[in-house]
Amino acid sequence: KARIVDGSILLYRESGEVIDIAKLKRNSPTMREIRGKEISMIFQEPMTSLNPVHTVGAQITEGIRYREKMSKKDAREFAIEMLRQVGIPAPEQRVDEYPHQMSGGMRQRVMIATALASNPRLLIADEPTTALDVTVEAQILNLLKELQTQYGMSVMFITHNLGIISQMTNRVIVMYTGRIVESLPTKTLFKGAKHPYTIGLLNSIPRIGLKHELTPIDGAVPNLNELPPGCHFVDRCSSALPICSLQEPPVCQLDSNHWVKCWLYDTLQEVV
């Protein structure tokens, strides 16, 4: 069972209030206010994230009916409009259908409609194009861009696909074994990445016209229950220093928008 043992998750609300979500109880009134209303989420697998025994219309409006005390008729009209906004054809028909009657791309659009039903300030998209072919993937990404502008919301995009990152983000946070190892603007990522892990990821991207073989990252991710002391990437890093296997690296600020957690930059930059 997962639990938070350290750190904080700060949410800045429109009222100016700052809440540490990590300290809230799972079913507290404040958490219920936040979940689905201020922060919403698109889950990774559209094939299994929807309930097979309820219509898509019922699933889109379940949360908002609970919060807004909306009538069944108004909820159905609201669901139809949400389906229309995410580009599903014949929404008046689709609203009464079940997930198994839809393609993977349509199911993902239903997931997006469900996530946006409460007009959240933050949308968390966890690998939202998993299991979709490249054409449908492009459609979903374009839809998310349009809806982000329309709703004026922030989007946290979780993905291993650096191609998607280049299209969808302004800032990138690279993580290894659950810890941040580099934080930088997207425009800096492809030419100015500094952490050996980030560089390894970039070197393993296939490119049209590439004349040399891809360079894989040697080794494997360590067991999270038996993490090595020091830097967790040390056994896979060709630039490792003796101290890397002994002490956890500091966070070094390279410029005002670029941080890297690596001993290679400790002697050159101020530690923050």
Protein backbone atom coordinates (compact mmCIF):
# COMPACT_ATOMS: atom_id res chain seq x y z
CA LYS A 1 0.00 0.00 0.00
CA ALA A 2 1.47 3.34 -1.07
CA ARG A 3 1.75 6.21 1.40
CA ILE A 4 3.37 9.65 1.49
CA VAL A 5 6.24 9.73 4.00
CA ASP A 6 7.83 13.07 3.19
CA GLY A 7 7.53 16.22 1.09
CA SER A 8 4.58 18.38 0.12
CA ILE A 9 2.11 18.87 -2.76
CA LEU A 10 1.05 22.51 -2.81
CA LEU A 11 -2.13 23.64 -4.55
CA TYR A 12 -2.62 27.36 -5.09
CA ARG A 13 -6.38 27.97 -5.17
CA GLU A 14 -8.14 30.83 -6.93
CA SER A 15 -9.03 32.31 -3.53
CA GLY A 16 -5.31 32.74 -2.81
CA GLU A 17 -5.32 29.90 -0.29
CA VAL A 18 -2.40 27.46 -0.45
CA ILE A 19 -3.17 23.85 0.50
CA ASP A 20 -0.71 21.03 1.10
CA ILE A 21 -2.57 18.11 -0.47
CA ALA A 22 -0.08 15.63 1.01
CA LYS A 23 -1.41 16.45 4.50
CA LEU A 24 -5.09 16.01 3.64
CA LYS A 25 -6.94 12.84 4.57
CA ARG A 26 -8.14 10.83 1.60
CA ASN A 27 -11.86 11.43 2.14
CA SER A 28 -11.74 14.80 3.88
CA PRO A 29 -14.23 17.49 2.73
CA THR A 30 -11.39 19.58 1.29
CA MET A 31 -10.02 16.65 -0.68
CA ARG A 32 -13.49 15.92 -2.07
CA GLU A 33 -13.72 19.56 -3.18
CA ILE A 34 -10.39 19.32 -4.97
CA ARG A 35 -10.71 15.87 -6.53
CA GLY A 36 -12.36 16.09 -9.93
CA LYS A 37 -13.29 19.75 -9.55
CA GLU A 38 -10.03 21.69 -9.20
CA ILE A 39 -7.80 18.81 -10.29
CA SER A 40 -8.96 16.20 -12.78
CA MET A 41 -7.24 13.30 -14.48
CA ILE A 42 -7.19 11.35 -17.72
CA PHE A 43 -6.09 7.81 -16.95
CA GLN A 44 -3.63 5.78 -18.99
CA GLU A 45 -5.77 3.01 -20.42
CA PRO A 46 -9.08 4.02 -22.04
CA MET A 47 -9.98 0.37 -22.66
CA THR A 48 -10.28 -0.41 -18.95
CA SER A 49 -10.76 2.96 -17.20
CA LEU A 50 -14.45 3.23 -18.10
CA ASN A 51 -17.09 1.19 -16.27
CA PRO A 52 -18.52 -1.36 -18.74
CA VAL A 53 -21.98 -1.49 -17.09
CA HIS A 54 -22.79 2.23 -17.25
CA THR A 55 -23.44 4.42 -20.27
CA VAL A 56 -20.78 6.95 -21.16
CA GLY A 57 -23.26 9.76 -20.45
CA ALA A 58 -23.79 8.54 -16.90
CA GLN A 59 -20.04 8.33 -16.34
CA ILE A 60 -19.39 11.82 -17.65
CA THR A 61 -21.97 13.39 -15.34
CA GLU A 62 -21.64 11.22 -12.21
CA GLY A 63 -19.32 13.62 -10.40
CA ILE A 64 -20.97 16.85 -11.42
CA ARG A 65 -24.47 15.55 -10.57
CA TYR A 66 -23.21 14.77 -7.09
CA ARG A 67 -21.71 18.23 -6.61
CA GLU A 68 -24.21 20.42 -8.46
CA LYS A 69 -27.44 18.50 -7.70
CA MET A 70 -28.22 18.46 -11.43
CA SER A 71 -31.41 16.81 -12.69
CA LYS A 72 -31.19 13.70 -14.84
CA LYS A 73 -32.48 15.57 -17.90
CA ASP A 74 -30.03 18.46 -17.48
CA ALA A 75 -27.22 15.97 -16.88
CA ARG A 76 -27.96 14.20 -20.15
CA GLU A 77 -27.92 17.49 -22.09
CA PHE A 78 -24.67 18.42 -20.37
CA ALA A 79 -23.10 15.06 -21.33
CA ILE A 80 -24.19 15.53 -24.96
CA GLU A 81 -22.52 18.94 -25.05
CA MET A 82 -19.29 17.55 -23.53
CA LEU A 83 -19.21 14.76 -26.12
CA ARG A 84 -19.72 17.37 -28.82
CA GLN A 85 -16.83 19.46 -27.45
CA VAL A 86 -14.41 16.52 -27.58
CA GLY A 87 -15.34 15.78 -31.19
CA ILE A 88 -17.48 12.65 -30.90
CA PRO A 89 -19.95 12.47 -33.82
CA ALA A 90 -23.69 11.99 -33.18
CA PRO A 91 -23.38 12.78 -29.46
CA GLU A 92 -27.16 12.45 -28.97
CA GLN A 93 -26.80 8.76 -29.85
CA ARG A 94 -23.43 8.11 -28.25
CA VAL A 95 -24.47 9.49 -24.86
CA ASP A 96 -26.61 6.40 -24.24
CA GLU A 97 -24.05 3.88 -25.47
CA TYR A 98 -21.70 1.72 -23.43
CA PRO A 99 -17.87 1.74 -23.65
CA HIS A 100 -17.72 -1.57 -25.55
CA GLN A 101 -19.68 0.03 -28.39
CA MET A 102 -16.89 2.56 -29.01
CA SER A 103 -13.40 2.47 -30.49
CA GLY A 104 -10.30 3.16 -28.40
CA GLY A 105 -10.06 6.71 -29.71
CA MET A 106 -13.69 7.44 -28.84
CA ARG A 107 -13.26 5.98 -25.37
CA GLN A 108 -10.29 8.25 -24.79
CA ARG A 109 -12.40 11.22 -25.87
CA VAL A 110 -15.04 10.13 -23.35
CA MET A 111 -12.31 10.05 -20.69
CA ILE A 112 -11.32 13.59 -21.64
CA ALA A 113 -14.95 14.73 -21.52
CA THR A 114 -15.32 13.18 -18.06
CA ALA A 115 -12.15 14.90 -16.83
CA LEU A 116 -13.28 18.29 -18.14
CA ALA A 117 -16.87 18.07 -16.89
CA SER A 118 -16.09 20.18 -13.79
CA ASN A 119 -13.89 22.71 -15.63
CA PRO A 120 -10.74 21.89 -13.60
CA ARG A 121 -7.82 24.29 -13.15
CA LEU A 122 -5.33 21.42 -13.50
CA LEU A 123 -5.65 18.41 -15.78
CA ILE A 124 -3.30 15.47 -15.19
CA ALA A 125 -2.90 13.39 -18.35
CA ASP A 126 -1.22 10.05 -17.63
CA GLU A 127 -0.05 8.54 -20.94
CA PRO A 128 -3.39 9.53 -22.56
CA THR A 129 -2.46 8.11 -25.97
CA THR A 130 -1.54 4.60 -24.82
CA ALA A 131 -2.90 1.84 -27.13
CA LEU A 132 -3.95 4.36 -29.79
CA ASP A 133 -2.60 4.29 -33.34
CA VAL A 134 -0.53 7.27 -34.50
CA THR A 135 -3.36 8.94 -36.41
CA VAL A 136 -5.75 8.83 -33.44
CA GLU A 137 -2.88 9.84 -31.14
CA ALA A 138 -2.34 13.02 -33.17
CA GLN A 139 -6.06 13.79 -33.01
CA ILE A 140 -6.13 13.38 -29.22
CA LEU A 141 -3.05 15.58 -28.75
CA ASN A 142 -4.51 18.32 -30.94
CA LEU A 143 -7.78 18.08 -29.02
CA LEU A 144 -5.97 18.49 -25.69
CA LYS A 145 -4.18 21.59 -27.01
CA GLU A 146 -7.46 23.14 -28.14
CA LEU A 147 -9.24 22.34 -24.87
CA GLN A 148 -6.34 23.66 -22.79
CA THR A 149 -6.70 27.01 -24.52
CA GLN A 150 -10.49 26.95 -24.37
CA TYR A 151 -10.67 26.11 -20.66
CA GLY A 152 -7.59 28.11 -19.63
CA MET A 153 -6.30 25.21 -17.55
CA SER A 154 -2.85 23.87 -16.80
CA VAL A 155 -1.98 20.39 -18.07
CA MET A 156 0.48 18.02 -16.42
CA PHE A 157 1.48 15.51 -19.09
CA ILE A 158 3.01 12.23 -17.88
CA THR A 159 4.71 10.27 -20.65
CA HIS A 160 7.85 8.41 -21.70
CA ASN A 161 7.46 9.68 -25.27
CA LEU A 162 9.88 12.56 -25.88
CA GLY A 163 8.22 13.30 -29.22
CA ILE A 164 4.95 14.05 -27.42
CA ILE A 165 6.84 16.13 -24.85
CA SER A 166 8.24 18.32 -27.63
CA GLN A 167 4.70 19.02 -28.89
CA MET A 168 2.74 19.36 -25.67
CA THR A 169 4.86 20.98 -22.97
CA ASN A 170 6.60 24.19 -21.98
CA ARG A 171 8.64 22.66 -19.20
CA VAL A 172 9.98 19.17 -18.59
CA ILE A 173 10.73 17.36 -15.34
CA VAL A 174 12.78 14.19 -15.86
CA MET A 175 12.43 11.51 -13.18
CA TYR A 176 14.43 8.39 -12.39
CA THR A 177 13.41 5.86 -9.71
CA GLY A 178 10.65 8.26 -8.67
CA ARG A 179 12.95 11.23 -8.09
CA ILE A 180 13.48 14.38 -10.10
CA VAL A 181 16.92 14.42 -11.74
CA GLU A 182 16.49 17.39 -14.10
CA SER A 183 14.06 20.28 -14.59
CA LEU A 184 14.31 22.55 -17.62
CA PRO A 185 12.32 24.33 -20.35
CA THR A 186 11.24 22.10 -23.24
CA LYS A 187 13.10 24.30 -25.72
CA THR A 188 16.31 23.56 -23.78
CA LEU A 189 15.73 19.81 -23.47
CA PHE A 190 16.86 18.64 -26.90
CA LYS A 191 20.03 20.72 -27.10
CA GLY A 192 20.92 21.61 -23.55
CA ALA A 193 20.11 18.59 -21.34
CA LYS A 194 22.80 17.92 -18.73
CA HIS A 195 21.90 14.88 -16.62
CA PRO A 196 23.43 11.64 -17.98
CA TYR A 197 20.03 9.92 -17.81
CA THR A 198 18.32 12.68 -19.82
CA ILE A 199 21.13 12.60 -22.37
CA GLY A 200 20.78 8.82 -22.59
CA LEU A 201 17.07 9.13 -23.31
CA LEU A 202 17.74 11.64 -26.08
CA ASN A 203 20.45 9.44 -27.63
CA SER A 204 18.02 6.52 -27.88
CA ILE A 205 15.39 8.38 -29.95
CA PRO A 206 15.02 7.11 -33.55
CA ARG A 207 15.36 9.89 -36.13
CA ILE A 208 14.81 10.01 -39.88
CA GLY A 209 18.14 10.11 -41.66
CA LEU A 210 20.12 8.87 -38.65
CA LYS A 211 23.36 7.41 -40.00
CA HIS A 212 24.60 5.69 -36.86
CA GLU A 213 23.10 3.11 -34.52
CA LEU A 214 21.01 4.21 -31.58
CA THR A 215 22.84 4.29 -28.26
CA PRO A 216 20.87 2.40 -25.59
CA ILE A 217 21.24 3.06 -21.88
CA ASP A 218 23.21 0.13 -20.46
CA GLY A 219 21.96 -1.83 -17.48
CA ALA A 220 18.53 -1.83 -15.87
CA VAL A 221 16.55 0.22 -13.40
CA PRO A 222 17.46 -0.88 -9.84
CA ASN A 223 14.99 -2.63 -7.56
CA LEU A 224 13.02 0.14 -5.84
CA ASN A 225 13.11 -1.88 -2.60
CA GLU A 226 16.91 -2.11 -2.75
CA LEU A 227 18.05 1.24 -4.11
CA PRO A 228 21.83 1.77 -4.07
CA PRO A 229 23.37 4.47 -1.88
CA GLY A 230 24.31 7.71 -3.56
CA CYS A 231 23.00 8.39 -7.06
CA HIS A 232 20.48 5.77 -8.20
CA PHE A 233 21.73 6.06 -11.78
CA VAL A 234 25.37 5.40 -10.88
CA ASP A 235 25.53 1.79 -12.16
CA ARG A 236 24.32 2.87 -15.61
CA CYS A 237 26.27 6.13 -15.90
CA SER A 238 29.45 6.29 -18.02
CA SER A 239 30.39 9.64 -16.40
CA ALA A 240 30.11 8.51 -12.77
CA LEU A 241 32.55 9.89 -10.20
CA PRO A 242 33.71 8.01 -7.07
CA ILE A 243 31.43 10.14 -4.88
CA CYS A 244 28.38 9.20 -6.97
CA SER A 245 28.13 5.76 -5.36
CA LEU A 246 28.59 7.14 -1.84
CA GLN A 247 26.43 10.23 -1.44
CA GLU A 248 23.14 11.40 -2.91
CA PRO A 249 23.88 14.17 -5.42
CA PRO A 250 22.88 17.78 -4.70
CA VAL A 251 20.46 19.82 -6.78
CA CYS A 252 22.55 22.26 -8.84
CA GLN A 253 21.11 25.37 -10.47
CA LEU A 254 22.61 25.89 -13.93
CA ASP A 255 20.55 28.99 -14.72
CA SER A 256 17.28 30.59 -13.60
CA ASN A 257 15.15 27.87 -15.26
CA HIS A 258 17.41 24.81 -15.27
CA TRP A 259 18.17 22.49 -12.35
CA VAL A 260 20.00 19.17 -12.39
CA LYS A 261 20.64 16.67 -9.60
CA CYS A 262 24.14 15.47 -10.39
CA TRP A 263 27.62 15.54 -8.82
CA LEU A 264 29.15 16.48 -12.20
CA TYR A 265 27.96 20.07 -11.73
CA ASP A 266 28.47 20.48 -7.98
CA THR A 267 31.91 22.14 -8.21
CA LEU A 268 30.78 24.56 -10.94
CA GLN A 269 27.40 25.74 -9.77
CA GLU A 270 25.72 26.95 -6.62
CA VAL A 271 23.72 24.26 -4.85
CA VAL A 272 20.11 25.18 -4.11
